[in-house]
Amino acid sequence: MKPHRTDGVSLGFGVFFLLIALWWAVSRVVSVQLPALGWLVAGTLILFGVVGVLGAIRSGRHTEAAEPVPADAVIETPGDLPPQMHAEIVRELLDDPATRFQREHPPGQH
């Protein structure tokens, strides 16, 4: 597996949800009454969602557009074959074997 760069947004979400899971596990053992905490968690999740969307939009932009490189197309036949013979060989290679067999062995002959 090739190493890759660390994605800060993914790491942030992973740590955040790990903290939520730990908080839930601790809240099963220790009883703490925090009624406004639900709104705080909801607001934080919305904030992380907005940051994630903005990060995704921003990473899709490219500041520098690469210019296409013009290429000179030169068509050459391999070896010293004439173009007609080369074209015939290519057609034979591209021909479907099933169609070719049916053409050489019509269905009424044995």
PDB file of N, CA and C in Angstrom:
ATOM      1  N   MET A   1       0.845  -1.174   0.000  1.00  0.00           N
ATOM      2  CA  MET A   1       0.000   0.000   0.000  1.00  0.00           C
ATOM      3  C   MET A   1       0.887   1.233   0.000  1.00  0.00           C
ATOM      4  N   LYS A   2       0.565   2.168  -0.885  1.00  0.00           N
ATOM      5  CA  LYS A   2       1.380   3.368  -0.990  1.00  0.00           C
ATOM      6  C   LYS A   2       0.978   4.374   0.084  1.00  0.00           C
ATOM      7  N   PRO A   3       1.939   5.025   0.707  1.00  0.00           N
ATOM      8  CA  PRO A   3       1.588   6.057   1.688  1.00  0.00           C
ATOM      9  C   PRO A   3       0.979   7.261   0.992  1.00  0.00           C
ATOM     10  N   HIS A   4       0.072   7.926   1.675  1.00  0.00           N
ATOM     11  CA  HIS A   4      -0.581   9.099   1.118  1.00  0.00           C
ATOM     12  C   HIS A   4      -0.600  10.200   2.165  1.00  0.00           C
ATOM     13  N   ARG A   5      -0.921  11.406   1.715  1.00  0.00           N
ATOM     14  CA  ARG A   5      -0.914  12.538   2.631  1.00  0.00           C
ATOM     15  C   ARG A   5      -2.114  12.444   3.571  1.00  0.00           C
ATOM     16  N   THR A   6      -1.967  13.038   4.741  1.00  0.00           N
ATOM     17  CA  THR A   6      -3.028  13.015   5.732  1.00  0.00           C
ATOM     18  C   THR A   6      -4.121  14.005   5.338  1.00  0.00           C
ATOM     19  N   ASP A   7      -5.353  13.551   5.364  1.00  0.00           N
ATOM     20  CA  ASP A   7      -6.493  14.400   5.060  1.00  0.00           C
ATOM     21  C   ASP A   7      -7.008  14.977   6.372  1.00  0.00           C
ATOM     22  N   GLY A   8      -6.814  16.274   6.553  1.00  0.00           N
ATOM     23  CA  GLY A   8      -7.165  16.929   7.810  1.00  0.00           C
ATOM     24  C   GLY A   8      -8.645  16.903   8.111  1.00  0.00           C
ATOM     25  N   VAL A   9      -9.496  17.035   7.093  1.00  0.00           N
ATOM     26  CA  VAL A   9     -10.944  17.028   7.313  1.00  0.00           C
ATOM     27  C   VAL A   9     -11.388  15.649   7.792  1.00  0.00           C
ATOM     28  N   SER A  10     -10.905  14.590   7.131  1.00  0.00           N
ATOM     29  CA  SER A  10     -11.277  13.234   7.536  1.00  0.00           C
ATOM     30  C   SER A  10     -10.766  12.927   8.944  1.00  0.00           C
ATOM     31  N   LEU A  11      -9.557  13.345   9.230  1.00  0.00           N
ATOM     32  CA  LEU A  11      -9.003  13.139  10.558  1.00  0.00           C
ATOM     33  C   LEU A  11      -9.831  13.887  11.603  1.00  0.00           C
ATOM     34  N   GLY A  12     -10.225  15.112  11.291  1.00  0.00           N
ATOM     35  CA  GLY A  12     -11.042  15.895  12.222  1.00  0.00           C
ATOM     36  C   GLY A  12     -12.381  15.238  12.496  1.00  0.00           C
ATOM     37  N   PHE A  13     -13.054  14.759  11.445  1.00  0.00           N
ATOM     38  CA  PHE A  13     -14.330  14.079  11.643  1.00  0.00           C
ATOM     39  C   PHE A  13     -14.138  12.788  12.439  1.00  0.00           C
ATOM     40  N   GLY A  14     -13.090  12.048  12.158  1.00  0.00           N
ATOM     41  CA  GLY A  14     -12.839  10.806  12.891  1.00  0.00           C
ATOM     42  C   GLY A  14     -12.626  11.053  14.368  1.00  0.00           C
ATOM     43  N   VAL A  15     -11.818  12.050  14.693  1.00  0.00           N
ATOM     44  CA  VAL A  15     -11.562  12.378  16.099  1.00  0.00           C
ATOM     45  C   VAL A  15     -12.842  12.872  16.765  1.00  0.00           C
ATOM     46  N   PHE A  16     -13.607  13.695  16.046  1.00  0.00           N
ATOM     47  CA  PHE A  16     -14.843  14.232  16.606  1.00  0.00           C
ATOM     48  C   PHE A  16     -15.825  13.114  16.938  1.00  0.00           C
ATOM     49  N   PHE A  17     -16.044  12.196  16.014  1.00  0.00           N
ATOM     50  CA  PHE A  17     -16.993  11.117  16.274  1.00  0.00           C
ATOM     51  C   PHE A  17     -16.454  10.130  17.303  1.00  0.00           C
ATOM     52  N   LEU A  18     -15.158   9.974  17.395  1.00  0.00           N
ATOM     53  CA  LEU A  18     -14.580   9.159  18.458  1.00  0.00           C
ATOM     54  C   LEU A  18     -14.852   9.791  19.816  1.00  0.00           C
ATOM     55  N   LEU A  19     -14.722  11.113  19.895  1.00  0.00           N
ATOM     56  CA  LEU A  19     -15.027  11.806  21.144  1.00  0.00           C
ATOM     57  C   LEU A  19     -16.503  11.680  21.506  1.00  0.00           C
ATOM     58  N   ILE A  20     -17.391  11.734  20.518  1.00  0.00           N
ATOM     59  CA  ILE A  20     -18.820  11.553  20.797  1.00  0.00           C
ATOM     60  C   ILE A  20     -19.079  10.149  21.341  1.00  0.00           C
ATOM     61  N   ALA A  21     -18.449   9.145  20.737  1.00  0.00           N
ATOM     62  CA  ALA A  21     -18.639   7.769  21.215  1.00  0.00           C
ATOM     63  C   ALA A  21     -18.095   7.607  22.635  1.00  0.00           C
ATOM     64  N   LEU A  22     -16.950   8.204  22.918  1.00  0.00           N
ATOM     65  CA  LEU A  22     -16.392   8.136  24.278  1.00  0.00           C
ATOM     66  C   LEU A  22     -17.300   8.865  25.265  1.00  0.00           C
ATOM     67  N   TRP A  23     -17.826  10.019  24.869  1.00  0.00           N
ATOM     68  CA  TRP A  23     -18.719  10.763  25.744  1.00  0.00           C
ATOM     69  C   TRP A  23     -19.971   9.949  26.044  1.00  0.00           C
ATOM     70  N   TRP A  24     -20.506   9.261  25.015  1.00  0.00           N
ATOM     71  CA  TRP A  24     -21.680   8.424  25.221  1.00  0.00           C
ATOM     72  C   TRP A  24     -21.375   7.286  26.187  1.00  0.00           C
ATOM     73  N   ALA A  25     -20.191   6.645  26.025  1.00  0.00           N
ATOM     74  CA  ALA A  25     -19.825   5.540  26.911  1.00  0.00           C
ATOM     75  C   ALA A  25     -19.668   6.015  28.352  1.00  0.00           C
ATOM     76  N   VAL A  26     -19.048   7.188  28.533  1.00  0.00           N
ATOM     77  CA  VAL A  26     -18.867   7.714  29.888  1.00  0.00           C
ATOM     78  C   VAL A  26     -20.213   8.126  30.475  1.00  0.00           C
ATOM     79  N   SER A  27     -21.127   8.641  29.638  1.00  0.00           N
ATOM     80  CA  SER A  27     -22.431   9.076  30.150  1.00  0.00           C
ATOM     81  C   SER A  27     -23.279   7.894  30.618  1.00  0.00           C
ATOM     82  N   ARG A  28     -22.971   6.681  30.192  1.00  0.00           N
ATOM     83  CA  ARG A  28     -23.677   5.491  30.674  1.00  0.00           C
ATOM     84  C   ARG A  28     -23.264   5.155  32.108  1.00  0.00           C
ATOM     85  N   VAL A  29     -22.054   5.545  32.487  1.00  0.00           N
ATOM     86  CA  VAL A  29     -21.550   5.251  33.828  1.00  0.00           C
ATOM     87  C   VAL A  29     -21.800   6.431  34.765  1.00  0.00           C
ATOM     88  N   VAL A  30     -21.537   7.654  34.296  1.00  0.00           N
ATOM     89  CA  VAL A  30     -21.667   8.853  35.112  1.00  0.00           C
ATOM     90  C   VAL A  30     -22.875   9.641  34.610  1.00  0.00           C
ATOM     91  N   SER A  31     -23.738  10.059  35.511  1.00  0.00           N
ATOM     92  CA  SER A  31     -24.924  10.809  35.129  1.00  0.00           C
ATOM     93  C   SER A  31     -24.658  12.304  35.286  1.00  0.00           C
ATOM     94  N   VAL A  32     -24.636  13.028  34.139  1.00  0.00           N
ATOM     95  CA  VAL A  32     -24.419  14.465  34.142  1.00  0.00           C
ATOM     96  C   VAL A  32     -25.597  15.106  33.418  1.00  0.00           C
ATOM     97  N   GLN A  33     -26.256  16.068  34.030  1.00  0.00           N
ATOM     98  CA  GLN A  33     -27.399  16.747  33.426  1.00  0.00           C
ATOM     99  C   GLN A  33     -26.937  18.007  32.700  1.00  0.00           C
ATOM    100  N   LEU A  34     -26.872  17.960  31.388  1.00  0.00           N
ATOM    101  CA  LEU A  34     -26.481  19.110  30.573  1.00  0.00           C
ATOM    102  C   LEU A  34     -27.515  19.282  29.466  1.00  0.00           C
ATOM    103  N   PRO A  35     -28.603  20.031  29.703  1.00  0.00           N
ATOM    104  CA  PRO A  35     -29.657  20.117  28.688  1.00  0.00           C
ATOM    105  C   PRO A  35     -29.246  20.881  27.433  1.00  0.00           C
ATOM    106  N   ALA A  36     -28.396  21.865  27.543  1.00  0.00           N
ATOM    107  CA  ALA A  36     -28.008  22.661  26.375  1.00  0.00           C
ATOM    108  C   ALA A  36     -26.946  21.961  25.535  1.00  0.00           C
ATOM    109  N   LEU A  37     -26.423  20.842  26.025  1.00  0.00           N
ATOM    110  CA  LEU A  37     -25.361  20.139  25.301  1.00  0.00           C
ATOM    111  C   LEU A  37     -25.861  19.601  23.956  1.00  0.00           C
ATOM    112  N   GLY A  38     -27.127  19.209  23.876  1.00  0.00           N
ATOM    113  CA  GLY A  38     -27.679  18.708  22.617  1.00  0.00           C
ATOM    114  C   GLY A  38     -27.613  19.754  21.520  1.00  0.00           C
ATOM    115  N   TRP A  39     -27.934  21.010  21.873  1.00  0.00           N
ATOM    116  CA  TRP A  39     -27.849  22.094  20.902  1.00  0.00           C
ATOM    117  C   TRP A  39     -26.408  22.376  20.510  1.00  0.00           C
ATOM    118  N   LEU A  40     -25.514  22.260  21.468  1.00  0.00           N
ATOM    119  CA  LEU A  40     -24.098  22.481  21.175  1.00  0.00           C
ATOM    120  C   LEU A  40     -23.575  21.407  20.215  1.00  0.00           C
ATOM    121  N   VAL A  41     -23.948  20.156  20.468  1.00  0.00           N
ATOM    122  CA  VAL A  41     -23.512  19.061  19.590  1.00  0.00           C
ATOM    123  C   VAL A  41     -24.110  19.235  18.191  1.00  0.00           C
ATOM    124  N   ALA A  42     -25.405  19.589  18.125  1.00  0.00           N
ATOM    125  CA  ALA A  42     -26.049  19.783  16.828  1.00  0.00           C
ATOM    126  C   ALA A  42     -25.387  20.925  16.052  1.00  0.00           C
ATOM    127  N   GLY A  43     -25.119  22.031  16.735  1.00  0.00           N
ATOM    128  CA  GLY A  43     -24.453  23.156  16.078  1.00  0.00           C
ATOM    129  C   GLY A  43     -23.054  22.797  15.602  1.00  0.00           C
ATOM    130  N   THR A  44     -22.331  22.020  16.408  1.00  0.00           N
ATOM    131  CA  THR A  44     -20.973  21.607  16.028  1.00  0.00           C
ATOM    132  C   THR A  44     -21.022  20.686  14.801  1.00  0.00           C
ATOM    133  N   LEU A  45     -21.996  19.774  14.782  1.00  0.00           N
ATOM    134  CA  LEU A  45     -22.126  18.890  13.616  1.00  0.00           C
ATOM    135  C   LEU A  45     -22.456  19.681  12.351  1.00  0.00           C
ATOM    136  N   ILE A  46     -23.329  20.669  12.484  1.00  0.00           N
ATOM    137  CA  ILE A  46     -23.657  21.505  11.327  1.00  0.00           C
ATOM    138  C   ILE A  46     -22.425  22.286  10.874  1.00  0.00           C
ATOM    139  N   LEU A  47     -21.664  22.817  11.824  1.00  0.00           N
ATOM    140  CA  LEU A  47     -20.446  23.558  11.488  1.00  0.00           C
ATOM    141  C   LEU A  47     -19.443  22.656  10.776  1.00  0.00           C
ATOM    142  N   PHE A  48     -19.256  21.433  11.288  1.00  0.00           N
ATOM    143  CA  PHE A  48     -18.334  20.502  10.630  1.00  0.00           C
ATOM    144  C   PHE A  48     -18.832  20.148   9.227  1.00  0.00           C
ATOM    145  N   GLY A  49     -20.146  20.004   9.061  1.00  0.00           N
ATOM    146  CA  GLY A  49     -20.693  19.718   7.728  1.00  0.00           C
ATOM    147  C   GLY A  49     -20.412  20.837   6.756  1.00  0.00           C
ATOM    148  N   VAL A  50     -20.604  22.088   7.197  1.00  0.00           N
ATOM    149  CA  VAL A  50     -20.334  23.235   6.337  1.00  0.00           C
ATOM    150  C   VAL A  50     -18.851  23.306   5.985  1.00  0.00           C
ATOM    151  N   VAL A  51     -17.989  23.077   6.984  1.00  0.00           N
ATOM    152  CA  VAL A  51     -16.540  23.100   6.725  1.00  0.00           C
ATOM    153  C   VAL A  51     -16.163  21.987   5.746  1.00  0.00           C
ATOM    154  N   GLY A  52     -16.773  20.809   5.899  1.00  0.00           N
ATOM    155  CA  GLY A  52     -16.489  19.702   4.978  1.00  0.00           C
ATOM    156  C   GLY A  52     -16.916  20.008   3.559  1.00  0.00           C
ATOM    157  N   VAL A  53     -18.099  20.609   3.397  1.00  0.00           N
ATOM    158  CA  VAL A  53     -18.581  20.956   2.059  1.00  0.00           C
ATOM    159  C   VAL A  53     -17.687  22.018   1.434  1.00  0.00           C
ATOM    160  N   LEU A  54     -17.332  23.038   2.213  1.00  0.00           N
ATOM    161  CA  LEU A  54     -16.445  24.075   1.688  1.00  0.00           C
ATOM    162  C   LEU A  54     -15.080  23.504   1.318  1.00  0.00           C
ATOM    163  N   GLY A  55     -14.570  22.588   2.136  1.00  0.00           N
ATOM    164  CA  GLY A  55     -13.287  21.949   1.817  1.00  0.00           C
ATOM    165  C   GLY A  55     -13.352  21.129   0.549  1.00  0.00           C
ATOM    166  N   ALA A  56     -14.473  20.434   0.349  1.00  0.00           N
ATOM    167  CA  ALA A  56     -14.626  19.634  -0.864  1.00  0.00           C
ATOM    168  C   ALA A  56     -14.740  20.519  -2.097  1.00  0.00           C
ATOM    169  N   ILE A  57     -15.456  21.631  -1.961  1.00  0.00           N
ATOM    170  CA  ILE A  57     -15.591  22.554  -3.090  1.00  0.00           C
ATOM    171  C   ILE A  57     -14.252  23.189  -3.420  1.00  0.00           C
ATOM    172  N   ARG A  58     -13.534  23.576  -2.388  1.00  0.00           N
ATOM    173  CA  ARG A  58     -12.250  24.237  -2.595  1.00  0.00           C
ATOM    174  C   ARG A  58     -11.204  23.312  -3.181  1.00  0.00           C
ATOM    175  N   SER A  59     -11.216  22.042  -2.779  1.00  0.00           N
ATOM    176  CA  SER A  59     -10.197  21.122  -3.290  1.00  0.00           C
ATOM    177  C   SER A  59     -10.433  20.781  -4.750  1.00  0.00           C
ATOM    178  N   GLY A  60     -11.667  20.971  -5.256  1.00  0.00           N
ATOM    179  CA  GLY A  60     -11.963  20.680  -6.657  1.00  0.00           C
ATOM    180  C   GLY A  60     -11.488  21.759  -7.609  1.00  0.00           C
ATOM    181  N   ARG A  61     -11.146  22.917  -7.097  1.00  0.00           N
ATOM    182  CA  ARG A  61     -10.686  24.009  -7.957  1.00  0.00           C
ATOM    183  C   ARG A  61      -9.213  23.846  -8.284  1.00  0.00           C
ATOM    184  N   HIS A  62      -8.876  24.199  -9.503  1.00  0.00           N
ATOM    185  CA  HIS A  62      -7.474  24.187  -9.916  1.00  0.00           C
ATOM    186  C   HIS A  62      -7.086  25.623 -10.234  1.00  0.00           C
ATOM    187  N   THR A  63      -6.029  26.095  -9.590  1.00  0.00           N
ATOM    188  CA  THR A  63      -5.627  27.477  -9.806  1.00  0.00           C
ATOM    189  C   THR A  63      -4.931  27.668 -11.140  1.00  0.00           C
ATOM    190  N   GLU A  64      -4.158  26.686 -11.563  1.00  0.00           N
ATOM    191  CA  GLU A  64      -3.427  26.809 -12.813  1.00  0.00           C
ATOM    192  C   GLU A  64      -3.955  25.786 -13.804  1.00  0.00           C
ATOM    193  N   ALA A  65      -4.391  26.261 -14.946  1.00  0.00           N
ATOM    194  CA  ALA A  65      -4.861  25.357 -15.987  1.00  0.00           C
ATOM    195  C   ALA A  65      -3.683  25.002 -16.887  1.00  0.00           C
ATOM    196  N   ALA A  66      -3.455  23.729 -17.037  1.00  0.00           N
ATOM    197  CA  ALA A  66      -2.360  23.282 -17.896  1.00  0.00           C
ATOM    198  C   ALA A  66      -2.785  23.398 -19.355  1.00  0.00           C
ATOM    199  N   GLU A  67      -1.909  23.951 -20.162  1.00  0.00           N
ATOM    200  CA  GLU A  67      -2.205  24.090 -21.580  1.00  0.00           C
ATOM    201  C   GLU A  67      -1.924  22.767 -22.280  1.00  0.00           C
ATOM    202  N   PRO A  68      -2.798  22.391 -23.218  1.00  0.00           N
ATOM    203  CA  PRO A  68      -2.556  21.142 -23.929  1.00  0.00           C
ATOM    204  C   PRO A  68      -1.308  21.242 -24.809  1.00  0.00           C
ATOM    205  N   VAL A  69      -0.606  20.147 -24.882  1.00  0.00           N
ATOM    206  CA  VAL A  69       0.612  20.097 -25.680  1.00  0.00           C
ATOM    207  C   VAL A  69       0.252  19.604 -27.076  1.00  0.00           C
ATOM    208  N   PRO A  70       0.539  20.372 -28.105  1.00  0.00           N
ATOM    209  CA  PRO A  70       0.214  19.906 -29.461  1.00  0.00           C
ATOM    210  C   PRO A  70       1.115  18.736 -29.847  1.00  0.00           C
ATOM    211  N   ALA A  71       0.505  17.762 -30.493  1.00  0.00           N
ATOM    212  CA  ALA A  71       1.256  16.588 -30.914  1.00  0.00           C
ATOM    213  C   ALA A  71       1.194  16.478 -32.435  1.00  0.00           C
ATOM    214  N   ASP A  72       2.282  16.089 -33.022  1.00  0.00           N
ATOM    215  CA  ASP A  72       2.335  15.871 -34.454  1.00  0.00           C
ATOM    216  C   ASP A  72       1.990  14.411 -34.722  1.00  0.00           C
ATOM    217  N   ALA A  73       0.880  14.186 -35.387  1.00  0.00           N
ATOM    218  CA  ALA A  73       0.444  12.823 -35.677  1.00  0.00           C
ATOM    219  C   ALA A  73       1.064  12.365 -36.987  1.00  0.00           C
ATOM    220  N   VAL A  74       1.772  11.266 -36.906  1.00  0.00           N
ATOM    221  CA  VAL A  74       2.381  10.678 -38.090  1.00  0.00           C
ATOM    222  C   VAL A  74       1.936   9.232 -38.146  1.00  0.00           C
ATOM    223  N   ILE A  75       1.287   8.858 -39.242  1.00  0.00           N
ATOM    224  CA  ILE A  75       0.810   7.494 -39.396  1.00  0.00           C
ATOM    225  C   ILE A  75       1.804   6.737 -40.263  1.00  0.00           C
ATOM    226  N   GLU A  76       2.346   5.705 -39.681  1.00  0.00           N
ATOM    227  CA  GLU A  76       3.310   4.882 -40.409  1.00  0.00           C
ATOM    228  C   GLU A  76       2.853   3.432 -40.354  1.00  0.00           C
ATOM    229  N   THR A  77       3.019   2.726 -41.420  1.00  0.00           N
ATOM    230  CA  THR A  77       2.737   1.298 -41.391  1.00  0.00           C
ATOM    231  C   THR A  77       3.973   0.581 -40.888  1.00  0.00           C
ATOM    232  N   PRO A  78       3.796  -0.458 -40.081  1.00  0.00           N
ATOM    233  CA  PRO A  78       4.949  -1.165 -39.550  1.00  0.00           C
ATOM    234  C   PRO A  78       5.692  -1.918 -40.640  1.00  0.00           C
ATOM    235  N   GLY A  79       6.985  -1.915 -40.509  1.00  0.00           N
ATOM    236  CA  GLY A  79       7.817  -2.634 -41.466  1.00  0.00           C
ATOM    237  C   GLY A  79       7.741  -2.021 -42.849  1.00  0.00           C
ATOM    238  N   ASP A  80       7.845  -2.862 -43.863  1.00  0.00           N
ATOM    239  CA  ASP A  80       7.805  -2.355 -45.237  1.00  0.00           C
ATOM    240  C   ASP A  80       6.553  -2.851 -45.974  1.00  0.00           C
ATOM    241  N   LEU A  81       5.427  -2.975 -45.225  1.00  0.00           N
ATOM    242  CA  LEU A  81       4.176  -3.403 -45.843  1.00  0.00           C
ATOM    243  C   LEU A  81       3.512  -2.234 -46.562  1.00  0.00           C
ATOM    244  N   PRO A  82       2.888  -2.492 -47.698  1.00  0.00           N
ATOM    245  CA  PRO A  82       2.101  -1.432 -48.335  1.00  0.00           C
ATOM    246  C   PRO A  82       0.848  -1.168 -47.493  1.00  0.00           C
ATOM    247  N   PRO A  83       0.320   0.034 -47.536  1.00  0.00           N
ATOM    248  CA  PRO A  83      -0.832   0.385 -46.697  1.00  0.00           C
ATOM    249  C   PRO A  83      -2.049  -0.507 -46.923  1.00  0.00           C
ATOM    250  N   GLN A  84      -2.285  -0.960 -48.161  1.00  0.00           N
ATOM    251  CA  GLN A  84      -3.444  -1.810 -48.426  1.00  0.00           C
ATOM    252  C   GLN A  84      -3.319  -3.146 -47.696  1.00  0.00           C
ATOM    253  N   MET A  85      -2.123  -3.740 -47.706  1.00  0.00           N
ATOM    254  CA  MET A  85      -1.921  -5.019 -47.035  1.00  0.00           C
ATOM    255  C   MET A  85      -2.045  -4.847 -45.521  1.00  0.00           C
ATOM    256  N   HIS A  86      -1.536  -3.743 -45.009  1.00  0.00           N
ATOM    257  CA  HIS A  86      -1.648  -3.466 -43.580  1.00  0.00           C
ATOM    258  C   HIS A  86      -3.119  -3.329 -43.187  1.00  0.00           C
ATOM    259  N   ALA A  87      -3.907  -2.622 -43.996  1.00  0.00           N
ATOM    260  CA  ALA A  87      -5.332  -2.455 -43.717  1.00  0.00           C
ATOM    261  C   ALA A  87      -6.052  -3.797 -43.759  1.00  0.00           C
ATOM    262  N   GLU A  88      -5.674  -4.665 -44.687  1.00  0.00           N
ATOM    263  CA  GLU A  88      -6.300  -5.987 -44.778  1.00  0.00           C
ATOM    264  C   GLU A  88      -5.988  -6.826 -43.540  1.00  0.00           C
ATOM    265  N   ILE A  89      -4.770  -6.755 -43.056  1.00  0.00           N
ATOM    266  CA  ILE A  89      -4.384  -7.495 -41.842  1.00  0.00           C
ATOM    267  C   ILE A  89      -5.167  -6.978 -40.637  1.00  0.00           C
ATOM    268  N   VAL A  90      -5.296  -5.677 -40.534  1.00  0.00           N
ATOM    269  CA  VAL A  90      -6.042  -5.094 -39.402  1.00  0.00           C
ATOM    270  C   VAL A  90      -7.499  -5.515 -39.466  1.00  0.00           C
ATOM    271  N   ARG A  91      -8.122  -5.484 -40.660  1.00  0.00           N
ATOM    272  CA  ARG A  91      -9.512  -5.922 -40.792  1.00  0.00           C
ATOM    273  C   ARG A  91      -9.656  -7.378 -40.392  1.00  0.00           C
ATOM    274  N   GLU A  92      -8.709  -8.222 -40.778  1.00  0.00           N
ATOM    275  CA  GLU A  92      -8.770  -9.638 -40.432  1.00  0.00           C
ATOM    276  C   GLU A  92      -8.646  -9.835 -38.926  1.00  0.00           C
ATOM    277  N   LEU A  93      -7.807  -9.049 -38.276  1.00  0.00           N
ATOM    278  CA  LEU A  93      -7.655  -9.166 -36.830  1.00  0.00           C
ATOM    279  C   LEU A  93      -8.890  -8.667 -36.083  1.00  0.00           C
ATOM    280  N   LEU A  94      -9.565  -7.676 -36.639  1.00  0.00           N
ATOM    281  CA  LEU A  94     -10.753  -7.128 -35.984  1.00  0.00           C
ATOM    282  C   LEU A  94     -12.016  -7.919 -36.304  1.00  0.00           C
ATOM    283  N   ASP A  95     -11.940  -8.821 -37.237  1.00  0.00           N
ATOM    284  CA  ASP A  95     -13.095  -9.612 -37.638  1.00  0.00           C
ATOM    285  C   ASP A  95     -13.501 -10.543 -36.498  1.00  0.00           C
ATOM    286  N   ASP A  96     -14.825 -10.655 -36.259  1.00  0.00           N
ATOM    287  CA  ASP A  96     -15.355 -11.527 -35.215  1.00  0.00           C
ATOM    288  C   ASP A  96     -15.163 -12.985 -35.629  1.00  0.00           C
ATOM    289  N   PRO A  97     -14.532 -13.814 -34.798  1.00  0.00           N
ATOM    290  CA  PRO A  97     -14.285 -15.210 -35.179  1.00  0.00           C
ATOM    291  C   PRO A  97     -15.574 -15.991 -35.441  1.00  0.00           C
ATOM    292  N   ALA A  98     -16.651 -15.713 -34.698  1.00  0.00           N
ATOM    293  CA  ALA A  98     -17.907 -16.441 -34.903  1.00  0.00           C
ATOM    294  C   ALA A  98     -18.489 -16.118 -36.264  1.00  0.00           C
ATOM    295  N   THR A  99     -18.469 -14.852 -36.643  1.00  0.00           N
ATOM    296  CA  THR A  99     -18.987 -14.442 -37.950  1.00  0.00           C
ATOM    297  C   THR A  99     -18.136 -15.041 -39.063  1.00  0.00           C
ATOM    298  N   ARG A 100     -16.850 -15.044 -38.862  1.00  0.00           N
ATOM    299  CA  ARG A 100     -15.943 -15.607 -39.875  1.00  0.00           C
ATOM    300  C   ARG A 100     -16.191 -17.103 -40.048  1.00  0.00           C
ATOM    301  N   PHE A 101     -16.410 -17.840 -38.939  1.00  0.00           N
ATOM    302  CA  PHE A 101     -16.661 -19.274 -39.011  1.00  0.00           C
ATOM    303  C   PHE A 101     -17.968 -19.544 -39.742  1.00  0.00           C
ATOM    304  N   GLN A 102     -19.018 -18.756 -39.435  1.00  0.00           N
ATOM    305  CA  GLN A 102     -20.297 -18.942 -40.111  1.00  0.00           C
ATOM    306  C   GLN A 102     -20.187 -18.644 -41.597  1.00  0.00           C
ATOM    307  N   ARG A 103     -19.344 -17.683 -41.956  1.00  0.00           N
ATOM    308  CA  ARG A 103     -19.163 -17.324 -43.354  1.00  0.00           C
ATOM    309  C   ARG A 103     -18.417 -18.445 -44.096  1.00  0.00           C
ATOM    310  N   GLU A 104     -17.431 -19.057 -43.453  1.00  0.00           N
ATOM    311  CA  GLU A 104     -16.644 -20.126 -44.093  1.00  0.00           C
ATOM    312  C   GLU A 104     -17.372 -21.457 -44.068  1.00  0.00           C
ATOM    313  N   HIS A 105     -18.267 -21.682 -43.067  1.00  0.00           N
ATOM    314  CA  HIS A 105     -19.004 -22.939 -42.929  1.00  0.00           C
ATOM    315  C   HIS A 105     -20.489 -22.623 -42.815  1.00  0.00           C
ATOM    316  N   PRO A 106     -21.161 -22.438 -43.945  1.00  0.00           N
ATOM    317  CA  PRO A 106     -22.593 -22.130 -43.893  1.00  0.00           C
ATOM    318  C   PRO A 106     -23.379 -23.267 -43.250  1.00  0.00           C
ATOM    319  N   PRO A 107     -24.512 -22.952 -42.578  1.00  0.00           N
ATOM    320  CA  PRO A 107     -25.224 -23.988 -41.837  1.00  0.00           C
ATOM    321  C   PRO A 107     -25.881 -25.035 -42.730  1.00  0.00           C
ATOM    322  N   GLY A 108     -25.847 -25.450 -43.687  1.00  0.00           N
ATOM    323  CA  GLY A 108     -26.465 -26.553 -44.421  1.00  0.00           C
ATOM    324  C   GLY A 108     -25.425 -27.519 -44.922  1.00  0.00           C
ATOM    325  N   GLN A 109     -24.153 -27.189 -44.805  1.00  0.00           N
ATOM    326  CA  GLN A 109     -23.090 -28.066 -45.332  1.00  0.00           C
ATOM    327  C   GLN A 109     -22.452 -28.826 -44.176  1.00  0.00           C
ATOM    328  N   HIS A 110     -22.136 -30.101 -44.511  1.00  0.00           N
ATOM    329  CA  HIS A 110     -21.424 -30.916 -43.502  1.00  0.00           C
ATOM    330  C   HIS A 110     -20.111 -31.362 -44.025  1.00  0.00           C
TER     331      HIS A 110
END
